[in-house]
Amino acid sequence: MKIITAYLLMLPALILSAGCNETSGKTKEKKSIVMELTKEEFIKRVYDYEKNPNDWKYAGDKPAIVDFHATWCAPCKMLAPTLEEVAQEFSDQIHVYKVDVDKQPELAAIFGVRSVPTLLWIPMEGKPSISQGALPKSQLESLVKSTLLKEE
């Protein structure tokens, strides 16, 4: 009898505690618009350096930014959400990719990446350019407009 009474007393507490976590099912994790690239994806989406090692030919359909980063890098962690915002803002006009230099050292070596974060700016025509360091959002937006979209 004492066991049944104890279970009956604990039952409302269990029901209430299960109901307290109601929001966890409703919150949706934001899906990142910035795509992590492997060597294979890079060759397919950006540049086939194996086929054309001396001739830059961009494979994309929109200008792009490639963020060379590392998981241990504090400035990279600061840049990531800002770059995500810029990717959202210009999602119809540019692609934004990221490459983990520790997982893809060959890609980092091809572009001479020696410090992170390093951003590779790829316009539709012409050669890509590189910038280093965590840039503020205003500067990223300005560079997207001037370097990638060729706006004045």
C-alpha atoms as a PDB file:
ATOM      1  CA  MET A   1       0.000   0.000   0.000  1.00  0.00           C
ATOM      2  CA  LYS A   2       2.833   2.382   0.882  1.00  0.00           C
ATOM      3  CA  ILE A   3       4.471   1.714  -2.507  1.00  0.00           C
ATOM      4  CA  ILE A   4       1.249   2.496  -4.383  1.00  0.00           C
ATOM      5  CA  THR A   5       0.818   5.724  -2.413  1.00  0.00           C
ATOM      6  CA  ALA A   6       4.411   6.734  -3.155  1.00  0.00           C
ATOM      7  CA  TYR A   7       3.895   6.107  -6.883  1.00  0.00           C
ATOM      8  CA  LEU A   8       0.649   8.096  -6.870  1.00  0.00           C
ATOM      9  CA  LEU A   9       2.418  11.021  -5.195  1.00  0.00           C
ATOM     10  CA  MET A  10       5.285  10.950  -7.726  1.00  0.00           C
ATOM     11  CA  LEU A  11       3.006  10.681 -10.770  1.00  0.00           C
ATOM     12  CA  PRO A  12       1.926  14.382 -10.843  1.00  0.00           C
ATOM     13  CA  ALA A  13       5.560  15.478 -10.437  1.00  0.00           C
ATOM     14  CA  LEU A  14       6.594  13.357 -13.414  1.00  0.00           C
ATOM     15  CA  ILE A  15       3.746  14.685 -15.546  1.00  0.00           C
ATOM     16  CA  LEU A  16       4.572  18.292 -14.657  1.00  0.00           C
ATOM     17  CA  SER A  17       8.293  17.878 -15.306  1.00  0.00           C
ATOM     18  CA  ALA A  18       7.610  16.358 -18.719  1.00  0.00           C
ATOM     19  CA  GLY A  19       5.378  19.314 -19.582  1.00  0.00           C
ATOM     20  CA  CYS A  20       8.008  21.864 -18.573  1.00  0.00           C
ATOM     21  CA  ASN A  21      10.206  20.894 -21.481  1.00  0.00           C
ATOM     22  CA  GLU A  22       7.453  21.590 -24.004  1.00  0.00           C
ATOM     23  CA  THR A  23       9.378  24.272 -25.934  1.00  0.00           C
ATOM     24  CA  SER A  24      12.261  21.976 -26.825  1.00  0.00           C
ATOM     25  CA  GLY A  25      10.159  20.245 -29.451  1.00  0.00           C
ATOM     26  CA  LYS A  26       9.003  23.538 -30.931  1.00  0.00           C
ATOM     27  CA  THR A  27      12.343  25.263 -31.326  1.00  0.00           C
ATOM     28  CA  LYS A  28      13.884  24.698 -34.696  1.00  0.00           C
ATOM     29  CA  GLU A  29      17.590  24.798 -35.199  1.00  0.00           C
ATOM     30  CA  LYS A  30      18.483  27.345 -37.854  1.00  0.00           C
ATOM     31  CA  LYS A  31      19.895  25.667 -40.903  1.00  0.00           C
ATOM     32  CA  SER A  32      23.109  27.281 -42.017  1.00  0.00           C
ATOM     33  CA  ILE A  33      23.187  28.762 -45.494  1.00  0.00           C
ATOM     34  CA  VAL A  34      27.003  28.605 -45.425  1.00  0.00           C
ATOM     35  CA  MET A  35      28.126  25.260 -46.856  1.00  0.00           C
ATOM     36  CA  GLU A  36      31.180  23.351 -45.571  1.00  0.00           C
ATOM     37  CA  LEU A  37      33.268  22.146 -48.512  1.00  0.00           C
ATOM     38  CA  THR A  38      35.340  19.019 -48.870  1.00  0.00           C
ATOM     39  CA  LYS A  39      38.004  18.731 -51.567  1.00  0.00           C
ATOM     40  CA  GLU A  40      35.512  16.963 -53.844  1.00  0.00           C
ATOM     41  CA  GLU A  41      32.817  19.612 -53.324  1.00  0.00           C
ATOM     42  CA  PHE A  42      35.355  22.395 -53.833  1.00  0.00           C
ATOM     43  CA  ILE A  43      36.430  20.906 -57.176  1.00  0.00           C
ATOM     44  CA  LYS A  44      32.791  20.554 -58.241  1.00  0.00           C
ATOM     45  CA  ARG A  45      31.458  23.920 -57.027  1.00  0.00           C
ATOM     46  CA  VAL A  46      34.430  26.288 -57.095  1.00  0.00           C
ATOM     47  CA  TYR A  47      37.573  25.333 -59.010  1.00  0.00           C
ATOM     48  CA  ASP A  48      38.958  22.114 -60.477  1.00  0.00           C
ATOM     49  CA  TYR A  49      42.624  22.731 -59.712  1.00  0.00           C
ATOM     50  CA  GLU A  50      43.521  19.158 -60.653  1.00  0.00           C
ATOM     51  CA  LYS A  51      42.257  19.537 -64.213  1.00  0.00           C
ATOM     52  CA  ASN A  52      43.307  23.197 -64.658  1.00  0.00           C
ATOM     53  CA  PRO A  53      46.203  23.857 -62.249  1.00  0.00           C
ATOM     54  CA  ASN A  54      47.460  26.931 -64.129  1.00  0.00           C
ATOM     55  CA  ASP A  55      44.180  28.326 -65.443  1.00  0.00           C
ATOM     56  CA  TRP A  56      41.600  29.723 -63.010  1.00  0.00           C
ATOM     57  CA  LYS A  57      38.097  28.711 -64.105  1.00  0.00           C
ATOM     58  CA  TYR A  58      35.349  29.368 -61.585  1.00  0.00           C
ATOM     59  CA  ALA A  59      32.736  26.605 -61.685  1.00  0.00           C
ATOM     60  CA  GLY A  60      29.944  28.457 -59.865  1.00  0.00           C
ATOM     61  CA  ASP A  61      26.816  30.190 -61.095  1.00  0.00           C
ATOM     62  CA  LYS A  62      27.065  33.135 -58.645  1.00  0.00           C
ATOM     63  CA  PRO A  63      30.033  34.989 -57.110  1.00  0.00           C
ATOM     64  CA  ALA A  64      31.307  33.375 -53.918  1.00  0.00           C
ATOM     65  CA  ILE A  65      33.171  33.797 -50.662  1.00  0.00           C
ATOM     66  CA  VAL A  66      35.205  30.882 -49.305  1.00  0.00           C
ATOM     67  CA  ASP A  67      36.019  31.148 -45.599  1.00  0.00           C
ATOM     68  CA  PHE A  68      39.164  29.204 -44.683  1.00  0.00           C
ATOM     69  CA  HIS A  69      38.780  28.623 -40.937  1.00  0.00           C
ATOM     70  CA  ALA A  70      39.707  26.330 -38.042  1.00  0.00           C
ATOM     71  CA  THR A  71      37.549  25.091 -35.171  1.00  0.00           C
ATOM     72  CA  TRP A  72      40.126  26.224 -32.572  1.00  0.00           C
ATOM     73  CA  CYS A  73      40.427  29.765 -33.992  1.00  0.00           C
ATOM     74  CA  ALA A  74      38.760  32.484 -31.877  1.00  0.00           C
ATOM     75  CA  PRO A  75      38.605  35.113 -34.682  1.00  0.00           C
ATOM     76  CA  CYS A  76      37.044  32.436 -36.939  1.00  0.00           C
ATOM     77  CA  LYS A  77      34.354  31.827 -34.326  1.00  0.00           C
ATOM     78  CA  MET A  78      33.706  35.576 -34.170  1.00  0.00           C
ATOM     79  CA  LEU A  79      33.476  35.834 -37.963  1.00  0.00           C
ATOM     80  CA  ALA A  80      31.172  32.826 -38.487  1.00  0.00           C
ATOM     81  CA  PRO A  81      27.848  34.384 -37.358  1.00  0.00           C
ATOM     82  CA  THR A  82      28.609  37.621 -39.216  1.00  0.00           C
ATOM     83  CA  LEU A  83      29.405  35.696 -42.382  1.00  0.00           C
ATOM     84  CA  GLU A  84      26.163  33.748 -41.917  1.00  0.00           C
ATOM     85  CA  GLU A  85      24.236  37.051 -41.751  1.00  0.00           C
ATOM     86  CA  VAL A  86      25.927  38.293 -44.929  1.00  0.00           C
ATOM     87  CA  ALA A  87      25.149  34.961 -46.619  1.00  0.00           C
ATOM     88  CA  GLN A  88      21.473  35.355 -45.667  1.00  0.00           C
ATOM     89  CA  GLU A  89      21.378  38.983 -46.793  1.00  0.00           C
ATOM     90  CA  PHE A  90      22.892  38.251 -50.224  1.00  0.00           C
ATOM     91  CA  SER A  91      21.581  34.674 -50.625  1.00  0.00           C
ATOM     92  CA  ASP A  92      20.121  35.355 -54.085  1.00  0.00           C
ATOM     93  CA  GLN A  93      23.342  36.945 -55.339  1.00  0.00           C
ATOM     94  CA  ILE A  94      26.302  35.031 -53.873  1.00  0.00           C
ATOM     95  CA  HIS A  95      27.377  31.664 -52.470  1.00  0.00           C
ATOM     96  CA  VAL A  96      29.224  31.484 -49.158  1.00  0.00           C
ATOM     97  CA  TYR A  97      31.329  28.418 -48.434  1.00  0.00           C
ATOM     98  CA  LYS A  98      33.691  27.429 -45.646  1.00  0.00           C
ATOM     99  CA  VAL A  99      36.716  25.151 -45.596  1.00  0.00           C
ATOM    100  CA  ASP A 100      38.172  23.739 -42.378  1.00  0.00           C
ATOM    101  CA  VAL A 101      41.939  24.023 -42.920  1.00  0.00           C
ATOM    102  CA  ASP A 102      42.632  21.146 -40.521  1.00  0.00           C
ATOM    103  CA  LYS A 103      40.336  18.787 -42.438  1.00  0.00           C
ATOM    104  CA  GLN A 104      41.265  20.094 -45.912  1.00  0.00           C
ATOM    105  CA  PRO A 105      44.970  21.074 -45.741  1.00  0.00           C
ATOM    106  CA  GLU A 106      45.411  20.592 -49.498  1.00  0.00           C
ATOM    107  CA  LEU A 107      42.839  23.308 -50.257  1.00  0.00           C
ATOM    108  CA  ALA A 108      44.498  25.675 -47.788  1.00  0.00           C
ATOM    109  CA  ALA A 109      47.907  25.012 -49.362  1.00  0.00           C
ATOM    110  CA  ILE A 110      46.690  25.682 -52.908  1.00  0.00           C
ATOM    111  CA  PHE A 111      45.650  29.209 -51.946  1.00  0.00           C
ATOM    112  CA  GLY A 112      48.620  29.828 -49.654  1.00  0.00           C
ATOM    113  CA  VAL A 113      46.494  30.111 -46.517  1.00  0.00           C
ATOM    114  CA  ARG A 114      48.899  30.597 -43.620  1.00  0.00           C
ATOM    115  CA  SER A 115      46.593  32.250 -41.103  1.00  0.00           C
ATOM    116  CA  VAL A 116      42.904  31.961 -40.360  1.00  0.00           C
ATOM    117  CA  PRO A 117      40.392  33.289 -40.990  1.00  0.00           C
ATOM    118  CA  THR A 118      41.237  33.879 -44.636  1.00  0.00           C
ATOM    119  CA  LEU A 119      38.492  34.826 -47.078  1.00  0.00           C
ATOM    120  CA  LEU A 120      38.720  34.005 -50.773  1.00  0.00           C
ATOM    121  CA  TRP A 121      36.600  36.452 -52.807  1.00  0.00           C
ATOM    122  CA  ILE A 122      35.525  34.950 -56.132  1.00  0.00           C
ATOM    123  CA  PRO A 123      33.860  37.223 -58.709  1.00  0.00           C
ATOM    124  CA  MET A 124      32.146  35.745 -61.770  1.00  0.00           C
ATOM    125  CA  GLU A 125      34.857  37.139 -64.030  1.00  0.00           C
ATOM    126  CA  GLY A 126      38.512  37.649 -63.272  1.00  0.00           C
ATOM    127  CA  LYS A 127      40.803  36.177 -60.670  1.00  0.00           C
ATOM    128  CA  PRO A 128      39.888  35.734 -57.006  1.00  0.00           C
ATOM    129  CA  SER A 129      41.328  37.910 -54.246  1.00  0.00           C
ATOM    130  CA  ILE A 130      42.152  37.168 -50.614  1.00  0.00           C
ATOM    131  CA  SER A 131      41.619  38.997 -47.330  1.00  0.00           C
ATOM    132  CA  GLN A 132      42.735  37.923 -43.878  1.00  0.00           C
ATOM    133  CA  GLY A 133      41.252  38.453 -40.453  1.00  0.00           C
ATOM    134  CA  ALA A 134      37.786  38.752 -38.972  1.00  0.00           C
ATOM    135  CA  LEU A 135      36.166  41.665 -40.779  1.00  0.00           C
ATOM    136  CA  PRO A 136      33.185  43.582 -39.381  1.00  0.00           C
ATOM    137  CA  LYS A 137      29.810  43.125 -41.077  1.00  0.00           C
ATOM    138  CA  SER A 138      29.863  46.579 -42.675  1.00  0.00           C
ATOM    139  CA  GLN A 139      33.200  45.837 -44.335  1.00  0.00           C
ATOM    140  CA  LEU A 140      32.036  42.388 -45.483  1.00  0.00           C
ATOM    141  CA  GLU A 141      28.922  43.937 -47.046  1.00  0.00           C
ATOM    142  CA  SER A 142      31.002  46.622 -48.717  1.00  0.00           C
ATOM    143  CA  LEU A 143      33.413  44.039 -50.155  1.00  0.00           C
ATOM    144  CA  VAL A 144      30.537  41.878 -51.408  1.00  0.00           C
ATOM    145  CA  LYS A 145      29.087  44.869 -53.240  1.00  0.00           C
ATOM    146  CA  SER A 146      32.362  46.177 -54.667  1.00  0.00           C
ATOM    147  CA  THR A 147      34.341  42.972 -55.275  1.00  0.00           C
ATOM    148  CA  LEU A 148      31.675  40.407 -56.083  1.00  0.00           C
ATOM    149  CA  LEU A 149      28.670  42.356 -57.332  1.00  0.00           C
ATOM    150  CA  LYS A 150      30.749  45.145 -58.923  1.00  0.00           C
ATOM    151  CA  GLU A 151      28.556  47.892 -57.450  1.00  0.00           C
ATOM    152  CA  GLU A 152      30.039  51.335 -56.900  1.00  0.00           C
END
